[in-house]
Protein backbone atom coordinates (compact mmCIF):
# COMPACT_ATOMS: atom_id res chain seq x y z
CA MET A 1 7.53 2.92 17.32
CA GLY A 2 11.30 1.60 16.94
CA LYS A 3 14.33 2.49 14.12
CA LEU A 4 12.68 3.26 10.75
CA VAL A 5 14.33 1.01 7.96
CA THR A 6 14.15 -0.02 4.33
CA GLU A 7 13.37 -3.06 3.17
CA ASN A 8 14.89 -3.95 -0.24
CA TYR A 9 12.72 -6.29 -2.83
CA ARG A 10 13.56 -6.73 -5.82
CA VAL A 11 10.83 -7.61 -8.47
CA ALA A 12 11.87 -8.91 -12.11
CA SER A 13 9.99 -9.82 -14.81
CA LYS A 14 10.39 -10.83 -18.56
CA LYS A 15 6.91 -8.67 -19.17
CA LEU A 16 8.31 -5.27 -17.48
CA PRO A 17 9.21 -2.72 -20.09
CA GLY A 18 12.68 -1.86 -20.73
CA GLU A 19 12.44 1.59 -19.98
CA PHE A 20 11.41 0.72 -16.56
CA ASP A 21 14.15 -1.44 -16.02
CA GLY A 22 15.98 -0.45 -12.79
CA VAL A 23 13.11 1.87 -11.49
CA LYS A 24 13.00 2.03 -8.05
CA ILE A 25 9.70 2.53 -6.01
CA ALA A 26 9.12 3.78 -2.32
CA TYR A 27 5.91 2.11 -0.65
CA LEU A 28 4.56 3.40 2.07
CA SER A 29 1.53 1.88 3.81
CA ASP A 30 -0.15 1.95 7.35
CA LEU A 31 1.26 5.17 9.11
CA HIS A 32 -1.95 5.71 11.07
CA ASN A 33 -0.85 9.60 11.60
CA VAL A 34 2.36 8.13 13.45
CA SER A 35 5.25 10.54 12.89
CA PHE A 36 8.95 10.19 12.52
CA GLY A 37 10.59 13.08 14.29
CA ARG A 38 9.65 16.56 14.05
CA GLU A 39 6.90 16.74 11.16
CA ASN A 40 8.40 13.43 9.98
CA GLU A 41 12.03 14.61 8.87
CA GLU A 42 13.65 11.04 9.64
CA LEU A 43 10.72 9.50 6.94
CA LEU A 44 11.33 12.39 4.45
CA ALA A 45 15.39 11.79 5.13
CA ARG A 46 15.22 8.08 4.51
CA LEU A 47 12.99 8.95 1.18
CA ARG A 48 15.87 11.11 0.02
CA LYS A 49 18.99 9.08 0.91
CA GLU A 50 16.50 6.19 -0.80
CA GLY A 51 16.32 8.67 -3.98
CA PRO A 52 13.34 6.58 -5.60
CA ASP A 53 11.80 7.45 -8.87
CA TYR A 54 8.18 7.45 -7.36
CA VAL A 55 6.24 6.71 -4.14
CA PHE A 56 3.35 4.54 -3.77
CA VAL A 57 0.83 4.78 -0.78
CA GLY A 58 -0.96 1.70 -0.13
CA GLY A 59 -3.76 3.59 2.43
CA ASP A 60 -4.17 3.35 6.23
CA MET A 61 -2.07 6.40 6.45
CA VAL A 62 -5.08 7.79 8.87
CA VAL A 63 -6.56 6.60 11.73
CA GLY A 64 -10.13 6.47 11.14
CA ALA A 65 -11.96 8.45 13.46
CA ARG A 66 -15.06 10.49 14.08
CA ASP A 67 -12.11 13.15 15.70
CA PHE A 68 -10.22 12.95 12.28
CA GLU A 69 -7.14 15.47 12.40
CA PRO A 70 -5.50 15.61 8.87
CA GLU A 71 -2.89 18.40 9.67
CA ALA A 72 0.14 16.54 10.11
CA LEU A 73 -0.72 14.05 7.40
CA LEU A 74 -1.32 16.20 4.97
CA ARG A 75 1.68 18.62 5.50
CA LEU A 76 3.74 15.27 4.95
CA PHE A 77 2.05 14.51 1.88
CA GLN A 78 2.84 18.32 0.82
CA ARG A 79 6.61 17.45 1.06
CA ILE A 80 6.44 14.14 -0.31
CA SER A 81 5.33 15.50 -3.38
CA GLU A 82 7.54 18.21 -4.21
CA TYR A 83 10.24 15.30 -4.86
CA TRP A 84 8.58 12.42 -6.19
CA PRO A 85 5.45 11.42 -8.17
CA VAL A 86 2.85 10.09 -5.37
CA TYR A 87 0.42 7.74 -6.16
CA LEU A 88 -2.40 6.59 -3.38
CA GLY A 89 -4.44 3.68 -2.62
CA LEU A 90 -6.93 3.66 0.24
CA GLY A 91 -7.26 0.96 2.85
CA ASN A 92 -9.74 0.33 5.65
CA HIS A 93 -9.36 3.50 7.65
CA GLU A 94 -9.71 5.63 5.13
CA GLN A 95 -12.68 3.89 3.88
CA LYS A 96 -14.19 4.48 8.09
CA LEU A 97 -13.92 8.07 7.27
CA MET A 98 -16.25 7.62 4.33
CA SER A 99 -18.67 5.99 6.41
CA TYR A 100 -18.72 8.03 9.57
CA GLU A 101 -21.77 10.88 9.33
CA GLU A 102 -19.03 13.19 11.26
CA THR A 103 -16.66 13.08 8.63
CA ARG A 104 -18.11 11.85 5.14
CA GLU A 105 -19.45 14.93 3.74
CA SER A 106 -17.63 17.28 4.92
CA MET A 107 -14.23 16.22 6.37
CA TYR A 108 -12.85 13.43 4.32
CA PRO A 109 -13.47 14.85 0.97
CA ALA A 110 -11.70 17.89 2.15
CA TYR A 111 -8.77 15.80 2.96
CA ILE A 112 -9.03 14.39 -0.71
CA GLU A 113 -9.22 17.35 -2.23
CA GLU A 114 -6.22 18.71 -0.19
CA ILE A 115 -4.11 15.62 -1.48
CA LYS A 116 -5.19 16.28 -5.11
CA SER A 117 -4.62 19.64 -4.78
CA PHE A 118 -0.72 18.87 -4.07
CA GLY A 119 -0.64 17.10 -7.45
CA ILE A 120 -1.23 13.87 -6.16
CA THR A 121 -3.14 10.75 -7.98
CA ILE A 122 -5.94 9.07 -5.98
CA LEU A 123 -6.81 5.72 -7.62
CA ASP A 124 -10.12 4.75 -5.56
CA ASN A 125 -10.98 1.65 -8.44
CA GLN A 126 -9.10 3.30 -10.93
CA SER A 127 -5.83 3.09 -12.51
CA ILE A 128 -3.76 5.32 -14.85
CA LEU A 129 -0.78 3.95 -16.83
CA LEU A 130 2.76 5.43 -15.95
CA ASN A 131 5.06 6.24 -19.03
CA ARG A 132 8.99 6.29 -19.50
CA GLY A 133 10.17 7.39 -23.12
CA SER A 134 8.11 5.45 -25.22
CA GLU A 135 6.89 2.27 -22.71
CA LYS A 136 4.49 2.06 -20.24
CA LEU A 137 3.16 0.32 -17.00
CA ARG A 138 -0.59 0.29 -15.79
CA LEU A 139 -0.99 1.22 -11.88
CA TYR A 140 -4.17 0.59 -10.10
CA GLY A 141 -5.70 1.20 -7.12
CA LEU A 142 -8.44 -1.45 -5.54
CA THR A 143 -10.60 0.35 -2.57
CA MET A 144 -12.83 -3.24 -1.55
CA ASP A 145 -15.72 -3.36 0.24
CA TYR A 146 -15.42 -2.91 3.33
CA LYS A 147 -16.58 -6.77 4.41
CA TYR A 148 -13.26 -7.81 3.06
CA TYR A 149 -12.07 -6.78 6.21
CA GLY A 150 -14.19 -8.65 8.53
CA LYS A 151 -13.16 -11.67 11.07
CA LYS A 152 -11.69 -14.74 9.77
CA TRP A 153 -15.45 -16.70 11.53
CA LYS A 154 -17.30 -14.37 8.57
CA LYS A 155 -15.30 -16.92 6.30
CA VAL A 156 -15.52 -14.10 3.20
CA THR A 157 -13.91 -15.18 -0.08
CA MET A 158 -12.74 -12.84 -3.05
CA GLU A 159 -13.07 -13.80 -6.72
CA ALA A 160 -11.00 -12.40 -9.63
CA ALA A 161 -14.60 -11.42 -10.70
CA TYR A 162 -14.85 -9.21 -8.17
CA LEU A 163 -11.55 -7.48 -9.63
CA LYS A 164 -13.08 -7.45 -13.07
CA GLU A 165 -15.93 -5.33 -11.77
CA LEU A 166 -14.52 -3.10 -10.13
CA LEU A 167 -11.27 -2.37 -12.27
CA GLY A 168 -11.71 -3.99 -15.87
CA ASP A 169 -10.14 -6.46 -17.12
CA CYS A 170 -6.47 -6.28 -15.76
CA GLY A 171 -4.63 -5.20 -19.20
CA GLN A 172 -2.02 -8.13 -20.20
CA GLU A 173 -0.53 -5.87 -22.79
CA GLU A 174 1.62 -4.05 -20.21
CA PHE A 175 3.32 -4.79 -16.98
CA SER A 176 0.72 -4.01 -14.32
CA VAL A 177 0.34 -3.23 -10.39
CA LEU A 178 -1.98 -3.19 -8.18
CA LEU A 179 -2.25 -1.40 -4.98
CA SER A 180 -4.47 -3.48 -2.70
CA HIS A 181 -4.19 -2.60 1.22
CA ASN A 182 -5.29 -6.13 2.26
CA PRO A 183 -2.86 -9.08 1.31
CA LYS A 184 -5.07 -11.92 2.42
CA TYR A 185 -6.68 -12.21 -1.25
CA PHE A 186 -3.63 -12.50 -3.31
CA GLU A 187 -5.19 -15.70 -5.06
CA ALA A 188 -7.72 -13.39 -6.62
CA TYR A 189 -5.86 -10.99 -7.03
CA ALA A 190 -3.08 -13.56 -9.08
CA SER A 191 -6.36 -15.02 -10.67
CA TRP A 192 -6.91 -11.72 -11.88
CA GLY A 193 -3.93 -11.00 -13.57
CA ALA A 194 -1.72 -8.43 -11.58
CA ASP A 195 1.82 -8.50 -12.07
CA LEU A 196 2.83 -6.74 -8.97
CA VAL A 197 0.37 -6.34 -5.79
CA LEU A 198 2.03 -4.11 -3.24
CA SER A 199 -0.27 -4.63 0.18
CA GLY A 200 0.06 -4.03 3.38
CA HIS A 201 -2.87 -4.03 6.78
CA VAL A 202 -1.22 -6.93 8.49
CA HIS A 203 1.34 -4.40 10.60
CA GLY A 204 4.04 -7.60 10.28
CA GLY A 205 1.34 -9.53 12.44
CA ILE A 206 2.18 -7.26 15.36
CA ILE A 207 5.22 -9.87 17.05
CA ILE A 208 7.28 -11.57 14.50
CA PHE A 209 8.67 -14.74 15.57
CA PRO A 210 11.95 -16.00 14.06
CA HIS A 211 11.31 -19.03 11.53
CA LEU A 212 7.47 -18.65 12.22
CA GLY A 213 7.03 -15.15 11.22
CA GLY A 214 4.33 -12.19 12.37
CA LEU A 215 1.89 -13.53 14.94
CA ILE A 216 -1.16 -12.25 14.19
CA ALA A 217 -3.64 -10.51 11.53
CA PRO A 218 -6.05 -7.81 11.96
CA ASP A 219 -8.86 -10.46 11.70
CA TYR A 220 -7.11 -12.27 14.42
CA THR A 221 -6.01 -15.02 12.19
CA PHE A 222 -2.93 -16.78 14.21
CA PHE A 223 0.20 -16.98 11.98
CA PRO A 224 -1.37 -15.42 8.64
CA LYS A 225 0.10 -16.78 5.47
CA TYR A 226 0.69 -13.40 4.22
CA ASP A 227 2.33 -11.28 7.04
CA SER A 228 5.20 -9.42 5.26
CA GLY A 229 7.59 -9.74 2.76
CA TYR A 230 7.95 -11.40 -0.87
CA PHE A 231 5.38 -13.50 -2.21
CA ARG A 232 4.38 -15.34 -5.67
CA LEU A 233 2.08 -17.10 -6.96
CA GLY A 234 2.47 -18.00 -10.72
CA ASP A 235 3.86 -14.97 -12.58
CA SER A 236 2.31 -12.73 -9.96
CA GLN A 237 4.47 -11.57 -7.14
CA MET A 238 3.54 -9.52 -4.11
CA VAL A 239 5.27 -7.29 -1.45
CA VAL A 240 3.72 -6.77 1.99
CA SER A 241 4.92 -3.95 3.71
CA ARG A 242 4.86 -4.12 7.64
CA GLY A 243 4.21 -0.69 7.54
CA LEU A 244 4.78 2.25 9.07
CA GLY A 245 2.78 3.32 12.50
CA SER A 246 0.18 1.04 14.75
CA HIS A 247 -3.42 0.84 15.45
CA THR A 248 -5.50 -1.12 17.76
CA ILE A 249 -2.44 -2.57 19.33
CA LYS A 250 0.17 -0.17 19.84
CA LEU A 251 2.66 -2.63 19.95
CA ARG A 252 5.21 -4.15 17.33
CA VAL A 253 7.96 -6.57 18.73
CA PHE A 254 10.89 -7.53 16.30
CA ASN A 255 8.98 -5.71 13.72
CA LYS A 256 10.51 -2.55 12.71
CA PRO A 257 8.64 0.32 10.66
CA GLU A 258 9.24 -0.44 7.10
CA ILE A 259 9.87 1.75 3.77
CA SER A 260 9.29 -1.00 1.20
CA LEU A 261 12.11 0.08 -1.82
CA ILE A 262 10.79 -2.20 -4.58
CA THR A 263 13.63 -1.74 -8.03
CA LEU A 264 11.81 -3.37 -10.91
CA CYS A 265 14.17 -5.29 -13.22
CA ARG A 266 13.28 -6.61 -16.76
CA ASP A 267 14.00 -10.37 -16.39
CA VAL A 268 15.82 -11.52 -19.65
């Protein structure tokens, strides 16, 4: 898989409450059941070294297969939850498990309930207020329809009204963070009003070319606009993780597995 690295991002906003100034978020995405060391000790050690205030998880931690085997991932979630507050969004691989007859009524619900038993909050088209002192921010988790993961020739578009339908109005009184697995629709997220979007899904484009970016997205778009890193559109900011694992194309070239460490800053 290559050496695990931490990528540091600074997200500054005048809208950020003062109590959240300097807060660190470790963002994990696209593990796909890969293990970094025995029982993921390398991943856990890296998180302990970085010392985040929160761990946000952006989806596709599993492989969405009919012979779903969640045991190793559940042990990882349990250990992470012993150290940090954990908030989990869902990706297309979790959605596959919701759709397969073999998993949707038994294995997948049991997996979700066990995650919840660790005190982890799952945001399935839901939001929650995070409080520090007397101030708060709102965290949303978007579970988009599976059609939004279709191949590029299907020409699917997303409008801000779709997010409003699933999540309601984006509360402008609080700084908002949106967990949305697919970065392709950043324009819609920004139009809806998200202050910060955390995404993954693209795996950095599999092969990263210097000065050109990632080669290919899961929808077969070459050199996707939102491959990895930091993006801004108006007042909205987005961090796209290269992710931790791989799936289908089990290859990463110039593309190290990433823990995203996001430091929130009040821009005054």
